[in-house]
Amino acid sequence: MYTHNSYSTRDFFIKKDSTLPEIKYEMDYFTMEKYNITPDMLENCAVTFSMIDDQGLYRIANSEAKLEIFNDDVINRIRTKYILTYHFKRLNTKKAGIFQGEFVIDFLGDNCGKIKFPIDRTIPIIISDTITKTDVI
């Protein structure tokens, strides 16, 4: 599984006209504790993903993303339970280039507010050119 977390500086790579891999961002317990995010807050929230090009224009703006919830024993990692995930659509990857991505969690109900991940930067996304274009049948 290719994921980013609060300490990751890795770039995310995807081919032009591709929909995979999904981009993932791990929320560890340290980050949740630092920003007072509790599991009950994550039960009532909306997650979106945005991607900005080098001109500052949104290629993806607040598109629906997922919050995956795992039991610790399922993924065999310490301190990871929540993963933010976005599945690219072909339209999102039509242009090759370097982009910046981010997830936003909007907390609903009693815990109204929002928080951006990664907190202090964006996720570098590199869409590389390709000579093939395939469809899964």
N, C-alpha and C. Protein backbone atom coordinates (compact mmCIF):
# COMPACT_ATOMS: atom_id res chain seq x y z
N MET A 1 0.85 -1.17 0.00
CA MET A 1 0.00 0.00 0.00
C MET A 1 0.90 1.24 0.00
N TYR A 2 0.69 2.13 -0.93
CA TYR A 2 1.48 3.35 -1.05
C TYR A 2 0.77 4.46 -0.29
N THR A 3 1.36 4.91 0.80
CA THR A 3 0.69 5.91 1.62
C THR A 3 1.65 7.01 2.03
N HIS A 4 1.08 8.14 2.38
CA HIS A 4 1.80 9.25 2.98
C HIS A 4 1.35 9.32 4.43
N ASN A 5 2.19 9.88 5.26
CA ASN A 5 1.77 10.14 6.63
C ASN A 5 2.31 11.49 7.05
N SER A 6 2.10 11.85 8.30
CA SER A 6 2.50 13.19 8.74
C SER A 6 3.99 13.46 8.65
N TYR A 7 4.78 12.42 8.53
CA TYR A 7 6.23 12.61 8.50
C TYR A 7 6.82 12.34 7.12
N SER A 8 5.99 12.02 6.13
CA SER A 8 6.44 11.63 4.81
C SER A 8 6.77 12.85 3.95
N THR A 9 7.83 12.75 3.18
CA THR A 9 8.17 13.80 2.22
C THR A 9 8.22 13.20 0.82
N ARG A 10 7.73 11.98 0.65
CA ARG A 10 7.77 11.32 -0.64
C ARG A 10 6.79 11.94 -1.62
N ASP A 11 7.15 11.88 -2.89
CA ASP A 11 6.26 12.31 -3.94
C ASP A 11 5.31 11.17 -4.29
N PHE A 12 4.14 11.53 -4.82
CA PHE A 12 3.18 10.55 -5.29
C PHE A 12 3.26 10.54 -6.81
N PHE A 13 3.40 9.35 -7.41
CA PHE A 13 3.54 9.21 -8.85
C PHE A 13 2.34 8.48 -9.43
N ILE A 14 1.84 8.99 -10.57
CA ILE A 14 0.77 8.34 -11.30
C ILE A 14 0.98 8.66 -12.78
N LYS A 15 0.60 7.76 -13.65
CA LYS A 15 0.76 7.96 -15.09
C LYS A 15 -0.39 8.80 -15.66
N LYS A 16 -0.11 9.51 -16.73
CA LYS A 16 -1.12 10.28 -17.44
C LYS A 16 -2.22 9.32 -17.91
N ASP A 17 -3.49 9.76 -17.85
CA ASP A 17 -4.67 8.98 -18.23
C ASP A 17 -4.88 7.74 -17.38
N SER A 18 -4.31 7.70 -16.18
CA SER A 18 -4.45 6.54 -15.30
C SER A 18 -5.40 6.88 -14.15
N THR A 19 -5.97 5.85 -13.55
CA THR A 19 -6.81 6.03 -12.36
C THR A 19 -6.21 5.37 -11.12
N LEU A 20 -5.14 4.65 -11.30
CA LEU A 20 -4.47 3.98 -10.18
C LEU A 20 -2.99 4.32 -10.18
N PRO A 21 -2.35 4.34 -9.04
CA PRO A 21 -2.82 3.95 -7.71
C PRO A 21 -3.64 5.06 -7.05
N GLU A 22 -4.36 4.67 -6.02
CA GLU A 22 -5.06 5.66 -5.20
C GLU A 22 -4.03 6.39 -4.36
N ILE A 23 -4.30 7.64 -4.07
CA ILE A 23 -3.43 8.37 -3.16
C ILE A 23 -4.00 8.19 -1.75
N LYS A 24 -3.11 7.91 -0.81
CA LYS A 24 -3.53 7.63 0.57
C LYS A 24 -2.70 8.45 1.53
N TYR A 25 -3.33 8.86 2.61
CA TYR A 25 -2.65 9.62 3.65
C TYR A 25 -3.04 9.04 5.01
N GLU A 26 -2.05 8.56 5.75
CA GLU A 26 -2.29 7.94 7.06
C GLU A 26 -2.43 9.01 8.14
N MET A 27 -3.42 8.82 8.99
CA MET A 27 -3.57 9.66 10.18
C MET A 27 -3.15 8.81 11.37
N ASP A 28 -2.02 9.14 11.96
CA ASP A 28 -1.56 8.36 13.10
C ASP A 28 -2.10 8.94 14.41
N TYR A 29 -1.95 8.18 15.47
CA TYR A 29 -2.47 8.59 16.77
C TYR A 29 -1.79 9.86 17.29
N PHE A 30 -0.50 10.05 16.97
CA PHE A 30 0.19 11.24 17.44
C PHE A 30 -0.42 12.50 16.84
N THR A 31 -0.72 12.46 15.54
CA THR A 31 -1.34 13.61 14.87
C THR A 31 -2.73 13.87 15.44
N MET A 32 -3.50 12.80 15.63
CA MET A 32 -4.84 12.95 16.18
C MET A 32 -4.81 13.57 17.58
N GLU A 33 -3.85 13.11 18.38
CA GLU A 33 -3.73 13.65 19.74
C GLU A 33 -3.30 15.11 19.71
N LYS A 34 -2.35 15.45 18.85
CA LYS A 34 -1.82 16.81 18.76
C LYS A 34 -2.92 17.81 18.39
N TYR A 35 -3.84 17.41 17.51
CA TYR A 35 -4.89 18.32 17.04
C TYR A 35 -6.26 18.01 17.64
N ASN A 36 -6.26 17.24 18.74
CA ASN A 36 -7.49 16.92 19.48
C ASN A 36 -8.58 16.31 18.61
N ILE A 37 -8.20 15.39 17.74
CA ILE A 37 -9.17 14.68 16.90
C ILE A 37 -9.48 13.36 17.59
N THR A 38 -10.74 13.13 17.87
CA THR A 38 -11.15 11.91 18.54
C THR A 38 -11.86 10.99 17.55
N PRO A 39 -11.88 9.69 17.83
CA PRO A 39 -12.57 8.75 16.93
C PRO A 39 -14.03 9.10 16.69
N ASP A 40 -14.73 9.62 17.72
CA ASP A 40 -16.13 9.96 17.53
C ASP A 40 -16.30 11.14 16.57
N MET A 41 -15.31 12.04 16.50
CA MET A 41 -15.36 13.13 15.53
C MET A 41 -15.27 12.60 14.11
N LEU A 42 -14.51 11.52 13.91
CA LEU A 42 -14.33 10.96 12.57
C LEU A 42 -15.53 10.13 12.12
N GLU A 43 -16.44 9.84 13.04
CA GLU A 43 -17.65 9.12 12.67
C GLU A 43 -18.66 10.03 11.99
N ASN A 44 -18.50 11.32 12.15
CA ASN A 44 -19.43 12.29 11.57
C ASN A 44 -18.64 13.39 10.87
N CYS A 45 -18.09 13.05 9.69
CA CYS A 45 -17.27 14.01 8.96
C CYS A 45 -17.39 13.78 7.46
N ALA A 46 -16.94 14.76 6.70
CA ALA A 46 -16.87 14.65 5.24
C ALA A 46 -15.41 14.86 4.85
N VAL A 47 -14.91 14.02 3.92
CA VAL A 47 -13.51 14.11 3.49
C VAL A 47 -13.48 14.48 2.02
N THR A 48 -12.65 15.47 1.68
CA THR A 48 -12.49 15.88 0.29
C THR A 48 -11.02 15.93 -0.07
N PHE A 49 -10.75 15.93 -1.38
CA PHE A 49 -9.39 16.00 -1.90
C PHE A 49 -9.33 17.10 -2.95
N SER A 50 -8.24 17.86 -2.96
CA SER A 50 -8.02 18.89 -3.96
C SER A 50 -6.60 18.76 -4.52
N MET A 51 -6.43 19.16 -5.79
CA MET A 51 -5.13 19.13 -6.44
C MET A 51 -4.96 20.41 -7.24
N ILE A 52 -3.84 21.09 -7.03
CA ILE A 52 -3.56 22.39 -7.62
C ILE A 52 -2.40 22.26 -8.60
N ASP A 53 -2.49 22.93 -9.77
CA ASP A 53 -1.40 22.88 -10.74
C ASP A 53 -0.36 23.97 -10.44
N ASP A 54 0.68 24.06 -11.27
CA ASP A 54 1.77 25.01 -11.02
C ASP A 54 1.36 26.47 -11.22
N GLN A 55 0.19 26.72 -11.81
CA GLN A 55 -0.34 28.08 -11.98
C GLN A 55 -1.24 28.49 -10.81
N GLY A 56 -1.45 27.57 -9.87
CA GLY A 56 -2.32 27.85 -8.75
C GLY A 56 -3.78 27.58 -9.02
N LEU A 57 -4.07 26.91 -10.16
CA LEU A 57 -5.45 26.58 -10.52
C LEU A 57 -5.80 25.18 -10.03
N TYR A 58 -7.03 25.01 -9.58
CA TYR A 58 -7.48 23.71 -9.10
C TYR A 58 -7.76 22.78 -10.27
N ARG A 59 -7.08 21.65 -10.32
CA ARG A 59 -7.39 20.57 -11.28
C ARG A 59 -8.47 19.67 -10.68
N ILE A 60 -8.43 19.55 -9.34
CA ILE A 60 -9.46 18.84 -8.58
C ILE A 60 -9.82 19.77 -7.42
N ALA A 61 -11.09 20.06 -7.24
CA ALA A 61 -11.50 20.97 -6.17
C ALA A 61 -12.54 20.30 -5.29
N ASN A 62 -12.16 20.02 -4.07
CA ASN A 62 -13.06 19.46 -3.07
C ASN A 62 -13.86 18.26 -3.58
N SER A 63 -13.16 17.34 -4.20
CA SER A 63 -13.79 16.12 -4.71
C SER A 63 -13.90 15.10 -3.57
N GLU A 64 -14.96 14.33 -3.59
CA GLU A 64 -15.23 13.37 -2.52
C GLU A 64 -14.08 12.37 -2.37
N ALA A 65 -13.63 12.21 -1.15
CA ALA A 65 -12.60 11.22 -0.80
C ALA A 65 -13.19 10.31 0.28
N LYS A 66 -12.41 9.30 0.68
CA LYS A 66 -12.88 8.33 1.67
C LYS A 66 -12.02 8.37 2.92
N LEU A 67 -12.62 8.00 4.02
CA LEU A 67 -11.91 7.78 5.28
C LEU A 67 -12.03 6.30 5.57
N GLU A 68 -10.90 5.59 5.45
CA GLU A 68 -10.89 4.15 5.73
C GLU A 68 -10.53 3.95 7.19
N ILE A 69 -11.31 3.12 7.87
CA ILE A 69 -11.08 2.84 9.28
C ILE A 69 -10.67 1.39 9.42
N PHE A 70 -9.52 1.16 10.05
CA PHE A 70 -8.97 -0.18 10.22
C PHE A 70 -8.76 -0.48 11.69
N ASN A 71 -8.88 -1.75 12.02
CA ASN A 71 -8.47 -2.21 13.34
C ASN A 71 -6.96 -2.39 13.29
N ASP A 72 -6.28 -2.12 14.40
CA ASP A 72 -4.82 -2.21 14.43
C ASP A 72 -4.30 -3.57 13.98
N ASP A 73 -5.01 -4.65 14.34
CA ASP A 73 -4.53 -5.97 14.01
C ASP A 73 -4.68 -6.29 12.52
N VAL A 74 -5.53 -5.55 11.81
CA VAL A 74 -5.74 -5.82 10.39
C VAL A 74 -4.57 -5.33 9.56
N ILE A 75 -4.06 -4.13 9.83
CA ILE A 75 -2.99 -3.60 9.00
C ILE A 75 -1.61 -3.78 9.61
N ASN A 76 -1.55 -4.33 10.82
CA ASN A 76 -0.28 -4.66 11.47
C ASN A 76 0.68 -3.48 11.52
N ARG A 77 0.17 -2.32 11.82
CA ARG A 77 1.03 -1.15 12.02
C ARG A 77 0.66 -0.54 13.35
N ILE A 78 1.65 -0.05 14.03
CA ILE A 78 1.42 0.58 15.32
C ILE A 78 0.99 2.02 15.08
N ARG A 79 -0.03 2.46 15.80
CA ARG A 79 -0.49 3.85 15.81
C ARG A 79 -1.14 4.32 14.51
N THR A 80 -1.57 3.44 13.66
CA THR A 80 -2.30 3.86 12.45
C THR A 80 -3.65 3.19 12.45
N LYS A 81 -4.69 3.99 12.32
CA LYS A 81 -6.02 3.43 12.29
C LYS A 81 -6.88 4.05 11.19
N TYR A 82 -6.59 5.25 10.78
CA TYR A 82 -7.40 5.97 9.81
C TYR A 82 -6.55 6.33 8.59
N ILE A 83 -7.11 6.11 7.39
CA ILE A 83 -6.40 6.44 6.16
C ILE A 83 -7.34 7.22 5.25
N LEU A 84 -6.91 8.40 4.82
CA LEU A 84 -7.66 9.21 3.87
C LEU A 84 -7.27 8.73 2.48
N THR A 85 -8.26 8.52 1.60
CA THR A 85 -8.01 7.91 0.29
C THR A 85 -8.76 8.67 -0.80
N TYR A 86 -8.08 8.87 -1.94
CA TYR A 86 -8.75 9.44 -3.11
C TYR A 86 -8.44 8.58 -4.33
N HIS A 87 -9.49 8.23 -5.06
CA HIS A 87 -9.36 7.45 -6.29
C HIS A 87 -9.47 8.40 -7.48
N PHE A 88 -8.37 8.52 -8.24
CA PHE A 88 -8.34 9.44 -9.38
C PHE A 88 -9.30 8.98 -10.47
N LYS A 89 -9.88 9.94 -11.16
CA LYS A 89 -10.65 9.68 -12.36
C LYS A 89 -9.76 10.02 -13.55
N ARG A 90 -10.02 9.43 -14.69
CA ARG A 90 -9.17 9.66 -15.85
C ARG A 90 -9.07 11.15 -16.19
N LEU A 91 -10.15 11.87 -16.03
CA LEU A 91 -10.16 13.31 -16.30
C LEU A 91 -9.14 14.05 -15.43
N ASN A 92 -8.90 13.55 -14.20
CA ASN A 92 -7.96 14.19 -13.28
C ASN A 92 -6.51 14.08 -13.74
N THR A 93 -6.21 13.06 -14.56
CA THR A 93 -4.81 12.79 -14.93
C THR A 93 -4.57 13.00 -16.43
N LYS A 94 -5.37 13.82 -17.07
CA LYS A 94 -5.22 14.06 -18.51
C LYS A 94 -3.99 14.88 -18.84
N LYS A 95 -3.51 15.69 -17.90
CA LYS A 95 -2.37 16.57 -18.15
C LYS A 95 -1.18 16.13 -17.30
N ALA A 96 -0.05 15.89 -17.96
CA ALA A 96 1.17 15.55 -17.23
C ALA A 96 1.73 16.81 -16.56
N GLY A 97 2.40 16.62 -15.44
CA GLY A 97 3.00 17.75 -14.75
C GLY A 97 3.17 17.48 -13.27
N ILE A 98 3.56 18.53 -12.57
CA ILE A 98 3.76 18.44 -11.12
C ILE A 98 2.65 19.25 -10.46
N PHE A 99 1.97 18.63 -9.50
CA PHE A 99 0.82 19.21 -8.84
C PHE A 99 1.00 19.10 -7.34
N GLN A 100 0.14 19.78 -6.59
CA GLN A 100 0.15 19.72 -5.13
C GLN A 100 -1.24 19.27 -4.67
N GLY A 101 -1.27 18.26 -3.79
CA GLY A 101 -2.54 17.73 -3.33
C GLY A 101 -2.73 17.89 -1.83
N GLU A 102 -4.00 17.87 -1.40
CA GLU A 102 -4.30 17.94 0.02
C GLU A 102 -5.68 17.35 0.29
N PHE A 103 -5.82 16.78 1.47
CA PHE A 103 -7.10 16.28 1.96
C PHE A 103 -7.65 17.29 2.97
N VAL A 104 -8.97 17.41 3.04
CA VAL A 104 -9.61 18.25 4.04
C VAL A 104 -10.71 17.42 4.71
N ILE A 105 -10.71 17.45 6.04
CA ILE A 105 -11.78 16.81 6.80
C ILE A 105 -12.66 17.91 7.37
N ASP A 106 -13.95 17.86 7.03
CA ASP A 106 -14.94 18.77 7.59
C ASP A 106 -15.69 18.01 8.67
N PHE A 107 -15.53 18.45 9.91
CA PHE A 107 -16.21 17.82 11.03
C PHE A 107 -17.63 18.38 11.12
N LEU A 108 -18.60 17.51 11.23
CA LEU A 108 -20.00 17.91 11.25
C LEU A 108 -20.57 17.74 12.65
N GLY A 109 -21.75 18.24 12.89
CA GLY A 109 -22.41 18.06 14.18
C GLY A 109 -21.81 18.93 15.26
N ASP A 110 -21.65 18.36 16.45
CA ASP A 110 -21.17 19.11 17.61
C ASP A 110 -19.72 19.58 17.47
N ASN A 111 -18.93 18.90 16.65
CA ASN A 111 -17.52 19.23 16.50
C ASN A 111 -17.25 19.96 15.19
N CYS A 112 -18.03 20.98 14.92
CA CYS A 112 -17.96 21.69 13.64
C CYS A 112 -16.58 22.33 13.45
N GLY A 113 -16.02 22.18 12.25
CA GLY A 113 -14.73 22.74 11.92
C GLY A 113 -14.09 21.95 10.80
N LYS A 114 -12.88 22.35 10.40
CA LYS A 114 -12.19 21.62 9.35
C LYS A 114 -10.69 21.64 9.60
N ILE A 115 -10.02 20.64 9.02
CA ILE A 115 -8.57 20.54 9.14
C ILE A 115 -8.02 19.97 7.85
N LYS A 116 -6.87 20.50 7.41
CA LYS A 116 -6.22 20.10 6.17
C LYS A 116 -5.09 19.13 6.47
N PHE A 117 -4.93 18.13 5.62
CA PHE A 117 -3.81 17.18 5.73
C PHE A 117 -3.09 17.10 4.41
N PRO A 118 -1.77 17.14 4.40
CA PRO A 118 -0.87 17.37 5.51
C PRO A 118 -1.05 18.78 6.09
N ILE A 119 -0.75 18.91 7.35
CA ILE A 119 -1.00 20.16 8.08
C ILE A 119 -0.15 21.31 7.55
N ASP A 120 1.14 21.09 7.39
CA ASP A 120 2.07 22.19 7.11
C ASP A 120 2.64 22.21 5.69
N ARG A 121 2.09 21.42 4.80
CA ARG A 121 2.58 21.39 3.42
C ARG A 121 1.52 20.72 2.55
N THR A 122 1.89 20.40 1.32
CA THR A 122 0.99 19.65 0.44
C THR A 122 1.70 18.38 0.00
N ILE A 123 0.96 17.50 -0.66
CA ILE A 123 1.54 16.26 -1.17
C ILE A 123 1.97 16.51 -2.62
N PRO A 124 3.27 16.39 -2.92
CA PRO A 124 3.70 16.54 -4.31
C PRO A 124 3.19 15.38 -5.16
N ILE A 125 2.47 15.70 -6.24
CA ILE A 125 1.90 14.70 -7.13
C ILE A 125 2.53 14.88 -8.50
N ILE A 126 3.15 13.83 -9.00
CA ILE A 126 3.79 13.88 -10.32
C ILE A 126 3.00 12.98 -11.27
N ILE A 127 2.40 13.61 -12.28
CA ILE A 127 1.70 12.87 -13.32
C ILE A 127 2.65 12.80 -14.50
N SER A 128 3.14 11.60 -14.77
CA SER A 128 4.14 11.43 -15.84
C SER A 128 3.48 11.05 -17.14
N ASP A 129 4.10 11.49 -18.23
CA ASP A 129 3.58 11.21 -19.56
C ASP A 129 3.73 9.72 -19.86
N THR A 130 2.87 9.20 -20.71
CA THR A 130 2.91 7.80 -21.09
C THR A 130 2.53 7.67 -22.56
N ILE A 131 3.00 6.61 -23.19
CA ILE A 131 2.66 6.40 -24.59
C ILE A 131 1.50 5.43 -24.75
N THR A 132 1.09 4.81 -23.66
CA THR A 132 -0.02 3.85 -23.73
C THR A 132 -1.24 4.38 -23.01
N LYS A 133 -2.38 3.95 -23.49
CA LYS A 133 -3.64 4.30 -22.84
C LYS A 133 -4.47 3.03 -22.82
N THR A 134 -4.75 2.55 -21.63
CA THR A 134 -5.45 1.27 -21.52
C THR A 134 -6.75 1.43 -20.75
N ASP A 135 -7.70 0.58 -21.06
CA ASP A 135 -8.95 0.49 -20.32
C ASP A 135 -9.09 -0.92 -19.80
N VAL A 136 -9.55 -1.04 -18.57
CA VAL A 136 -9.82 -2.34 -18.00
C VAL A 136 -11.21 -2.77 -18.47
N ILE A 137 -11.29 -3.96 -19.03
CA ILE A 137 -12.57 -4.45 -19.56
C ILE A 137 -13.13 -5.51 -18.66
